[in-house]
Amino acid sequence: MNALDATSTRPYLIRALYEWCTDNGFTPYVAVLVDESVQVPREYVKDGEIVLNISFDATSALKLGNDFIEFKARFAGTAREILVPISRVIAIYARENGQGMAFPSPVAGAGVAPIAVEPASAGHADDRSSKTLQLAPEPADEGDTPEPPRPGASGPRPSLKRVK
């Protein structure tokens, strides 16, 4: 089996970070890029994305499978069934400190490589709504040669915006 035939690492990393969040008393959130394959309340989708609390307290019958994240949750007091294809998850992180992992946006036929997520420095520690997550490359080992800059990769670094 070569690397192209292997299953995606995305569902395994999502499950691992979910477990890390719950083991440390954090609230796991997933950011989802919404399209017609995602079953979520559309009235809560903003700019084509939705952030979902997938903690034990917020969900019922949570299943973190290899193909889908499935659960039941209440939105404004109404029970809804949520179905998110794993390929549409663009980040999983802890609400309390922003630590987690972001994934590249899904592209038809493309492989998925994780990108480490670091919380950006916010002006006030109490103001959680102003936090953004900065995408940061993993640090290179001393023996590694640095990757050359990609063409057209100038400008500000991309960031994730937390939506409550």
N, C-alpha and C. Protein backbone atom coordinates (compact mmCIF):
# COMPACT_ATOMS: atom_id res chain seq x y z
N MET A 1 0.85 -1.18 0.00
CA MET A 1 0.00 0.00 0.00
C MET A 1 0.89 1.24 0.00
N ASN A 2 0.66 2.13 -0.93
CA ASN A 2 1.45 3.36 -0.95
C ASN A 2 0.67 4.49 -0.28
N ALA A 3 1.27 5.64 -0.18
CA ALA A 3 0.67 6.78 0.53
C ALA A 3 -0.64 7.23 -0.12
N LEU A 4 -0.77 7.09 -1.43
CA LEU A 4 -1.98 7.53 -2.12
C LEU A 4 -3.15 6.59 -1.84
N ASP A 5 -2.88 5.32 -1.52
CA ASP A 5 -3.94 4.36 -1.24
C ASP A 5 -4.36 4.35 0.22
N ALA A 6 -3.59 4.98 1.09
CA ALA A 6 -3.87 4.97 2.52
C ALA A 6 -5.11 5.81 2.82
N THR A 7 -5.78 5.46 3.92
CA THR A 7 -6.94 6.24 4.34
C THR A 7 -6.47 7.59 4.87
N SER A 8 -7.37 8.53 4.89
CA SER A 8 -7.06 9.88 5.37
C SER A 8 -6.72 9.86 6.86
N THR A 9 -5.80 10.72 7.25
CA THR A 9 -5.46 10.86 8.67
C THR A 9 -6.43 11.81 9.39
N ARG A 10 -7.22 12.56 8.63
CA ARG A 10 -8.10 13.57 9.23
C ARG A 10 -9.03 12.99 10.31
N PRO A 11 -9.77 11.89 10.09
CA PRO A 11 -10.66 11.41 11.15
C PRO A 11 -9.90 10.97 12.40
N TYR A 12 -8.71 10.43 12.24
CA TYR A 12 -7.92 9.99 13.37
C TYR A 12 -7.41 11.18 14.19
N LEU A 13 -7.00 12.23 13.50
CA LEU A 13 -6.53 13.43 14.19
C LEU A 13 -7.70 14.12 14.89
N ILE A 14 -8.86 14.13 14.28
CA ILE A 14 -10.04 14.73 14.91
C ILE A 14 -10.38 13.98 16.20
N ARG A 15 -10.40 12.65 16.14
CA ARG A 15 -10.69 11.85 17.34
C ARG A 15 -9.63 12.07 18.42
N ALA A 16 -8.37 12.13 18.02
CA ALA A 16 -7.30 12.34 19.00
C ALA A 16 -7.42 13.70 19.68
N LEU A 17 -7.70 14.74 18.93
CA LEU A 17 -7.82 16.07 19.52
C LEU A 17 -9.10 16.20 20.34
N TYR A 18 -10.17 15.52 19.93
CA TYR A 18 -11.39 15.47 20.74
C TYR A 18 -11.08 14.85 22.10
N GLU A 19 -10.37 13.74 22.09
CA GLU A 19 -10.01 13.05 23.34
C GLU A 19 -9.10 13.92 24.19
N TRP A 20 -8.13 14.59 23.55
CA TRP A 20 -7.24 15.49 24.29
C TRP A 20 -8.05 16.60 24.98
N CYS A 21 -8.99 17.19 24.24
CA CYS A 21 -9.82 18.27 24.81
C CYS A 21 -10.60 17.75 26.02
N THR A 22 -11.28 16.62 25.86
CA THR A 22 -12.11 16.12 26.96
C THR A 22 -11.26 15.67 28.15
N ASP A 23 -10.11 15.06 27.89
CA ASP A 23 -9.23 14.64 28.99
C ASP A 23 -8.73 15.82 29.81
N ASN A 24 -8.59 16.98 29.17
CA ASN A 24 -8.06 18.16 29.85
C ASN A 24 -9.15 19.13 30.30
N GLY A 25 -10.42 18.72 30.19
CA GLY A 25 -11.52 19.57 30.65
C GLY A 25 -11.84 20.72 29.71
N PHE A 26 -11.40 20.66 28.46
CA PHE A 26 -11.67 21.70 27.48
C PHE A 26 -12.92 21.36 26.68
N THR A 27 -13.47 22.35 26.01
CA THR A 27 -14.65 22.18 25.17
C THR A 27 -14.22 22.07 23.72
N PRO A 28 -14.41 20.90 23.09
CA PRO A 28 -13.99 20.75 21.70
C PRO A 28 -14.98 21.40 20.73
N TYR A 29 -14.46 22.22 19.85
CA TYR A 29 -15.24 22.86 18.79
C TYR A 29 -14.70 22.39 17.45
N VAL A 30 -15.58 22.23 16.46
CA VAL A 30 -15.15 21.96 15.10
C VAL A 30 -15.67 23.08 14.20
N ALA A 31 -14.80 23.54 13.32
CA ALA A 31 -15.18 24.50 12.29
C ALA A 31 -15.43 23.70 11.02
N VAL A 32 -16.57 23.98 10.37
CA VAL A 32 -16.99 23.19 9.21
C VAL A 32 -17.25 24.11 8.03
N LEU A 33 -16.73 23.72 6.88
CA LEU A 33 -17.01 24.42 5.63
C LEU A 33 -18.29 23.80 5.07
N VAL A 34 -19.36 24.58 5.02
CA VAL A 34 -20.68 24.07 4.69
C VAL A 34 -20.92 24.04 3.19
N ASP A 35 -21.44 22.91 2.72
CA ASP A 35 -21.94 22.78 1.36
C ASP A 35 -23.19 21.91 1.43
N GLU A 36 -23.67 21.44 0.28
CA GLU A 36 -24.92 20.67 0.26
C GLU A 36 -24.80 19.32 0.96
N SER A 37 -23.59 18.81 1.18
CA SER A 37 -23.41 17.52 1.85
C SER A 37 -23.44 17.63 3.37
N VAL A 38 -23.41 18.84 3.91
CA VAL A 38 -23.37 19.07 5.36
C VAL A 38 -24.80 19.31 5.85
N GLN A 39 -25.20 18.55 6.87
CA GLN A 39 -26.55 18.69 7.43
C GLN A 39 -26.44 19.42 8.77
N VAL A 40 -26.63 20.75 8.72
CA VAL A 40 -26.61 21.61 9.90
C VAL A 40 -27.72 22.64 9.73
N PRO A 41 -28.12 23.29 10.84
CA PRO A 41 -29.12 24.36 10.71
C PRO A 41 -28.54 25.53 9.89
N ARG A 42 -29.09 25.75 8.72
CA ARG A 42 -28.55 26.77 7.80
C ARG A 42 -28.62 28.18 8.38
N GLU A 43 -29.53 28.44 9.30
CA GLU A 43 -29.65 29.79 9.86
C GLU A 43 -28.45 30.16 10.73
N TYR A 44 -27.62 29.18 11.09
CA TYR A 44 -26.43 29.45 11.89
C TYR A 44 -25.15 29.45 11.06
N VAL A 45 -25.27 29.26 9.77
CA VAL A 45 -24.11 29.28 8.88
C VAL A 45 -23.78 30.73 8.55
N LYS A 46 -22.50 31.08 8.70
CA LYS A 46 -22.05 32.44 8.41
C LYS A 46 -20.85 32.36 7.48
N ASP A 47 -20.92 33.04 6.36
CA ASP A 47 -19.84 33.05 5.37
C ASP A 47 -19.46 31.64 4.93
N GLY A 48 -20.45 30.76 4.83
CA GLY A 48 -20.21 29.41 4.37
C GLY A 48 -19.57 28.50 5.40
N GLU A 49 -19.49 28.93 6.66
CA GLU A 49 -18.88 28.13 7.72
C GLU A 49 -19.79 28.10 8.95
N ILE A 50 -19.62 27.06 9.74
CA ILE A 50 -20.31 26.97 11.03
C ILE A 50 -19.33 26.35 12.03
N VAL A 51 -19.40 26.82 13.26
CA VAL A 51 -18.58 26.26 14.34
C VAL A 51 -19.53 25.53 15.28
N LEU A 52 -19.21 24.27 15.55
CA LEU A 52 -20.08 23.42 16.36
C LEU A 52 -19.37 22.98 17.63
N ASN A 53 -20.08 23.06 18.75
CA ASN A 53 -19.60 22.55 20.02
C ASN A 53 -19.91 21.06 20.02
N ILE A 54 -18.88 20.21 20.07
CA ILE A 54 -19.11 18.77 20.04
C ILE A 54 -18.78 18.12 21.39
N SER A 55 -18.90 18.90 22.46
CA SER A 55 -18.63 18.36 23.79
C SER A 55 -19.73 17.39 24.20
N PHE A 56 -19.44 16.58 25.20
CA PHE A 56 -20.40 15.62 25.72
C PHE A 56 -21.67 16.32 26.20
N ASP A 57 -21.50 17.48 26.84
CA ASP A 57 -22.65 18.22 27.38
C ASP A 57 -23.53 18.83 26.29
N ALA A 58 -22.97 19.11 25.12
CA ALA A 58 -23.71 19.79 24.06
C ALA A 58 -24.32 18.85 23.03
N THR A 59 -23.93 17.57 23.06
CA THR A 59 -24.37 16.64 22.04
C THR A 59 -25.02 15.40 22.66
N SER A 60 -25.71 14.68 21.81
CA SER A 60 -26.27 13.39 22.17
C SER A 60 -25.95 12.42 21.04
N ALA A 61 -25.60 11.20 21.39
CA ALA A 61 -25.30 10.16 20.39
C ALA A 61 -24.18 10.58 19.43
N LEU A 62 -23.11 11.17 19.96
CA LEU A 62 -21.99 11.61 19.14
C LEU A 62 -21.23 10.41 18.58
N LYS A 63 -21.00 10.42 17.27
CA LYS A 63 -20.20 9.39 16.61
C LYS A 63 -19.15 10.10 15.75
N LEU A 64 -17.90 9.88 16.09
CA LEU A 64 -16.78 10.43 15.32
C LEU A 64 -16.25 9.32 14.43
N GLY A 65 -16.88 9.12 13.28
CA GLY A 65 -16.51 8.04 12.39
C GLY A 65 -15.42 8.44 11.41
N ASN A 66 -15.05 7.50 10.53
CA ASN A 66 -14.04 7.79 9.52
C ASN A 66 -14.58 8.62 8.37
N ASP A 67 -15.90 8.59 8.16
CA ASP A 67 -16.50 9.33 7.05
C ASP A 67 -17.35 10.50 7.49
N PHE A 68 -17.99 10.40 8.66
CA PHE A 68 -18.90 11.45 9.12
C PHE A 68 -18.75 11.68 10.62
N ILE A 69 -19.09 12.91 11.04
CA ILE A 69 -19.34 13.22 12.44
C ILE A 69 -20.85 13.34 12.53
N GLU A 70 -21.46 12.54 13.41
CA GLU A 70 -22.91 12.53 13.56
C GLU A 70 -23.26 12.77 15.02
N PHE A 71 -24.29 13.58 15.27
CA PHE A 71 -24.79 13.78 16.62
C PHE A 71 -26.12 14.51 16.57
N LYS A 72 -26.76 14.57 17.73
CA LYS A 72 -27.97 15.36 17.90
C LYS A 72 -27.62 16.49 18.85
N ALA A 73 -28.16 17.67 18.57
CA ALA A 73 -27.91 18.83 19.42
C ALA A 73 -29.11 19.76 19.37
N ARG A 74 -29.18 20.63 20.34
CA ARG A 74 -30.28 21.61 20.39
C ARG A 74 -29.75 22.97 19.92
N PHE A 75 -30.52 23.58 19.05
CA PHE A 75 -30.25 24.92 18.57
C PHE A 75 -31.49 25.74 18.88
N ALA A 76 -31.33 26.74 19.76
CA ALA A 76 -32.45 27.58 20.21
C ALA A 76 -33.59 26.71 20.72
N GLY A 77 -33.25 25.64 21.45
CA GLY A 77 -34.25 24.79 22.07
C GLY A 77 -34.85 23.72 21.17
N THR A 78 -34.48 23.71 19.89
CA THR A 78 -35.00 22.73 18.95
C THR A 78 -33.96 21.66 18.68
N ALA A 79 -34.35 20.38 18.86
CA ALA A 79 -33.42 19.28 18.62
C ALA A 79 -33.18 19.12 17.12
N ARG A 80 -31.92 18.98 16.74
CA ARG A 80 -31.54 18.82 15.33
C ARG A 80 -30.58 17.66 15.19
N GLU A 81 -30.65 16.97 14.07
CA GLU A 81 -29.68 15.94 13.74
C GLU A 81 -28.60 16.57 12.87
N ILE A 82 -27.36 16.39 13.27
CA ILE A 82 -26.22 17.00 12.57
C ILE A 82 -25.43 15.89 11.90
N LEU A 83 -25.05 16.12 10.65
CA LEU A 83 -24.24 15.18 9.89
C LEU A 83 -23.21 15.99 9.12
N VAL A 84 -21.94 15.76 9.45
CA VAL A 84 -20.84 16.50 8.84
C VAL A 84 -19.86 15.51 8.22
N PRO A 85 -19.67 15.57 6.91
CA PRO A 85 -18.62 14.73 6.31
C PRO A 85 -17.26 15.15 6.87
N ILE A 86 -16.43 14.20 7.20
CA ILE A 86 -15.10 14.47 7.76
C ILE A 86 -14.31 15.41 6.85
N SER A 87 -14.48 15.26 5.54
CA SER A 87 -13.72 16.09 4.60
C SER A 87 -14.09 17.57 4.69
N ARG A 88 -15.24 17.91 5.29
CA ARG A 88 -15.67 19.31 5.40
C ARG A 88 -15.20 19.97 6.70
N VAL A 89 -14.59 19.20 7.61
CA VAL A 89 -14.06 19.77 8.86
C VAL A 89 -12.77 20.50 8.53
N ILE A 90 -12.72 21.79 8.87
CA ILE A 90 -11.51 22.57 8.57
C ILE A 90 -10.68 22.86 9.81
N ALA A 91 -11.24 22.59 11.01
CA ALA A 91 -10.46 22.77 12.23
C ALA A 91 -11.16 22.09 13.40
N ILE A 92 -10.36 21.68 14.37
CA ILE A 92 -10.87 21.24 15.67
C ILE A 92 -9.96 21.88 16.70
N TYR A 93 -10.57 22.47 17.74
CA TYR A 93 -9.78 23.19 18.73
C TYR A 93 -10.53 23.29 20.05
N ALA A 94 -9.80 23.63 21.10
CA ALA A 94 -10.37 23.84 22.42
C ALA A 94 -10.87 25.28 22.53
N ARG A 95 -12.11 25.44 22.93
CA ARG A 95 -12.68 26.79 23.07
C ARG A 95 -11.89 27.64 24.05
N GLU A 96 -11.44 27.04 25.13
CA GLU A 96 -10.82 27.80 26.21
C GLU A 96 -9.48 28.42 25.86
N ASN A 97 -8.67 27.74 25.04
CA ASN A 97 -7.35 28.28 24.76
C ASN A 97 -7.01 28.34 23.27
N GLY A 98 -7.90 27.87 22.41
CA GLY A 98 -7.68 27.95 20.97
C GLY A 98 -6.71 26.92 20.43
N GLN A 99 -6.16 26.05 21.27
CA GLN A 99 -5.22 25.06 20.78
C GLN A 99 -5.95 23.95 20.04
N GLY A 100 -5.38 23.52 18.95
CA GLY A 100 -6.00 22.47 18.16
C GLY A 100 -5.29 22.34 16.84
N MET A 101 -6.04 22.02 15.81
CA MET A 101 -5.45 21.80 14.50
C MET A 101 -6.42 22.26 13.42
N ALA A 102 -5.87 22.90 12.40
CA ALA A 102 -6.65 23.30 11.24
C ALA A 102 -6.24 22.42 10.08
N PHE A 103 -7.16 22.21 9.16
CA PHE A 103 -6.91 21.40 7.98
C PHE A 103 -7.13 22.26 6.75
N PRO A 104 -6.49 21.93 5.65
CA PRO A 104 -6.74 22.69 4.42
C PRO A 104 -8.20 22.56 4.02
N SER A 105 -8.72 23.59 3.38
CA SER A 105 -10.09 23.52 2.87
C SER A 105 -10.18 22.39 1.87
N PRO A 106 -11.31 21.68 1.86
CA PRO A 106 -11.44 20.55 0.94
C PRO A 106 -11.40 21.01 -0.52
N VAL A 107 -10.64 20.27 -1.31
CA VAL A 107 -10.56 20.50 -2.75
C VAL A 107 -10.79 19.16 -3.40
N ALA A 108 -11.60 19.11 -4.42
CA ALA A 108 -11.94 17.85 -5.08
C ALA A 108 -10.67 17.12 -5.52
N GLY A 109 -10.53 15.88 -5.05
CA GLY A 109 -9.41 15.04 -5.47
C GLY A 109 -8.09 15.31 -4.77
N ALA A 110 -8.04 16.27 -3.87
CA ALA A 110 -6.76 16.59 -3.22
C ALA A 110 -6.63 15.83 -1.92
N GLY A 111 -5.39 15.54 -1.54
CA GLY A 111 -5.11 14.90 -0.26
C GLY A 111 -5.24 15.91 0.86
N VAL A 112 -5.23 15.45 2.10
CA VAL A 112 -5.40 16.32 3.24
C VAL A 112 -4.16 16.28 4.10
N ALA A 113 -3.56 17.44 4.34
CA ALA A 113 -2.40 17.51 5.21
C ALA A 113 -2.71 18.50 6.33
N PRO A 114 -2.53 18.11 7.59
CA PRO A 114 -2.86 19.00 8.69
C PRO A 114 -1.85 20.13 8.83
N ILE A 115 -2.32 21.24 9.38
CA ILE A 115 -1.49 22.40 9.67
C ILE A 115 -1.69 22.71 11.14
N ALA A 116 -0.61 22.87 11.88
CA ALA A 116 -0.73 23.15 13.31
C ALA A 116 -1.37 24.52 13.52
N VAL A 117 -2.13 24.66 14.61
CA VAL A 117 -2.83 25.90 14.91
C VAL A 117 -2.28 26.47 16.21
N GLU A 118 -1.95 27.74 16.18
CA GLU A 118 -1.49 28.44 17.36
C GLU A 118 -2.42 29.62 17.60
N PRO A 119 -2.83 29.88 18.85
CA PRO A 119 -3.66 31.05 19.08
C PRO A 119 -2.85 32.33 18.89
N ALA A 120 -3.46 33.31 18.26
CA ALA A 120 -2.81 34.60 18.07
C ALA A 120 -2.87 35.37 19.38
N SER A 121 -1.95 36.29 19.55
CA SER A 121 -1.99 37.08 20.77
C SER A 121 -3.13 38.06 20.67
N ALA A 122 -3.98 38.07 21.68
CA ALA A 122 -5.14 38.96 21.71
C ALA A 122 -4.83 40.12 22.63
N GLY A 123 -5.49 41.23 22.42
CA GLY A 123 -5.25 42.42 23.22
C GLY A 123 -5.61 42.23 24.68
N HIS A 124 -6.75 41.60 24.94
CA HIS A 124 -7.22 41.41 26.31
C HIS A 124 -7.49 39.94 26.53
N ALA A 125 -7.01 39.42 27.65
CA ALA A 125 -7.21 38.01 27.96
C ALA A 125 -8.68 37.69 28.18
N ASP A 126 -9.46 38.67 28.67
CA ASP A 126 -10.87 38.44 28.95
C ASP A 126 -11.72 38.48 27.69
N ASP A 127 -11.24 39.09 26.64
CA ASP A 127 -12.03 39.28 25.43
C ASP A 127 -11.83 38.09 24.49
N ARG A 128 -12.58 37.03 24.70
CA ARG A 128 -12.42 35.82 23.88
C ARG A 128 -12.97 36.02 22.48
N SER A 129 -13.89 36.93 22.30
CA SER A 129 -14.47 37.11 20.98
C SER A 129 -13.49 37.71 19.99
N SER A 130 -12.40 38.33 20.49
CA SER A 130 -11.44 38.94 19.57
C SER A 130 -10.31 38.00 19.20
N LYS A 131 -10.30 36.77 19.74
CA LYS A 131 -9.23 35.82 19.44
C LYS A 131 -9.36 35.32 18.01
N THR A 132 -8.24 35.16 17.36
CA THR A 132 -8.20 34.46 16.09
C THR A 132 -7.16 33.37 16.21
N LEU A 133 -7.29 32.36 15.40
CA LEU A 133 -6.30 31.29 15.40
C LEU A 133 -5.39 31.51 14.21
N GLN A 134 -4.10 31.52 14.46
CA GLN A 134 -3.13 31.71 13.39
C GLN A 134 -2.66 30.36 12.89
N LEU A 135 -2.66 30.18 11.59
CA LEU A 135 -2.10 28.97 11.01
C LEU A 135 -0.59 29.11 11.03
N ALA A 136 0.09 28.10 11.57
CA ALA A 136 1.54 28.17 11.69
C ALA A 136 2.13 26.85 11.24
N PRO A 137 3.21 26.89 10.49
CA PRO A 137 3.85 25.63 10.09
C PRO A 137 4.50 24.97 11.29
N GLU A 138 4.62 23.64 11.22
CA GLU A 138 5.30 22.93 12.29
C GLU A 138 6.78 23.31 12.27
N PRO A 139 7.40 23.42 13.46
CA PRO A 139 8.82 23.77 13.49
C PRO A 139 9.64 22.67 12.85
N ALA A 140 10.65 23.07 12.10
CA ALA A 140 11.53 22.11 11.43
C ALA A 140 12.55 21.57 12.41
N ASP A 141 12.94 20.30 12.23
CA ASP A 141 14.01 19.74 13.04
C ASP A 141 15.33 20.37 12.61
N GLU A 142 16.33 20.26 13.46
CA GLU A 142 17.62 20.88 13.15
C GLU A 142 18.22 20.34 11.87
N GLY A 143 18.02 19.05 11.58
CA GLY A 143 18.61 18.44 10.40
C GLY A 143 17.81 18.71 9.12
N ASP A 144 16.59 19.21 9.23
CA ASP A 144 15.75 19.46 8.06
C ASP A 144 16.18 20.73 7.35
N THR A 145 16.04 20.71 6.05
CA THR A 145 16.28 21.93 5.30
C THR A 145 14.96 22.67 5.19
N PRO A 146 14.98 23.98 5.30
CA PRO A 146 13.73 24.73 5.24
C PRO A 146 13.10 24.62 3.85
N GLU A 147 11.77 24.63 3.85
CA GLU A 147 11.03 24.55 2.60
C GLU A 147 11.11 25.91 1.90
N PRO A 148 11.35 25.92 0.59
CA PRO A 148 11.42 27.21 -0.10
C PRO A 148 10.05 27.87 -0.13
N PRO A 149 10.00 29.20 -0.15
CA PRO A 149 8.71 29.89 -0.17
C PRO A 149 7.95 29.55 -1.44
N ARG A 150 6.63 29.43 -1.29
CA ARG A 150 5.78 29.12 -2.43
C ARG A 150 5.54 30.39 -3.25
N PRO A 151 5.45 30.26 -4.56
CA PRO A 151 5.16 31.43 -5.38
C PRO A 151 3.79 32.01 -5.01
N GLY A 152 3.72 33.30 -4.91
CA GLY A 152 2.45 33.97 -4.59
C GLY A 152 2.04 33.83 -3.14
N ALA A 153 2.95 33.42 -2.26
CA ALA A 153 2.61 33.22 -0.85
C ALA A 153 2.95 34.45 -0.01
N SER A 154 3.02 35.60 -0.62
CA SER A 154 3.32 36.80 0.16
C SER A 154 2.05 37.35 0.77
N GLY A 155 2.21 38.26 1.70
CA GLY A 155 1.05 38.89 2.33
C GLY A 155 0.81 38.32 3.72
N PRO A 156 -0.31 38.72 4.33
CA PRO A 156 -0.58 38.28 5.70
C PRO A 156 -0.88 36.79 5.75
N ARG A 157 -0.59 36.20 6.90
CA ARG A 157 -0.86 34.78 7.10
C ARG A 157 -2.36 34.57 7.26
N PRO A 158 -2.88 33.45 6.79
CA PRO A 158 -4.31 33.19 6.95
C PRO A 158 -4.63 32.93 8.42
N SER A 159 -5.86 33.20 8.80
CA SER A 159 -6.27 32.95 10.18
C SER A 159 -7.70 32.42 10.19
N LEU A 160 -8.04 31.74 11.27
CA LEU A 160 -9.39 31.26 11.48
C LEU A 160 -10.09 32.23 12.42
N LYS A 161 -11.32 32.53 12.13
CA LYS A 161 -12.09 33.41 12.99
C LYS A 161 -13.06 32.56 13.80
N ARG A 162 -13.01 32.70 15.10
CA ARG A 162 -13.95 31.96 15.96
C ARG A 162 -15.31 32.61 15.90
N VAL A 163 -16.32 31.80 15.68
CA VAL A 163 -17.69 32.29 15.61
C VAL A 163 -18.47 31.64 16.73
N LYS A 164 -19.14 32.46 17.52
CA LYS A 164 -19.92 31.91 18.64
C LYS A 164 -21.37 31.97 18.31
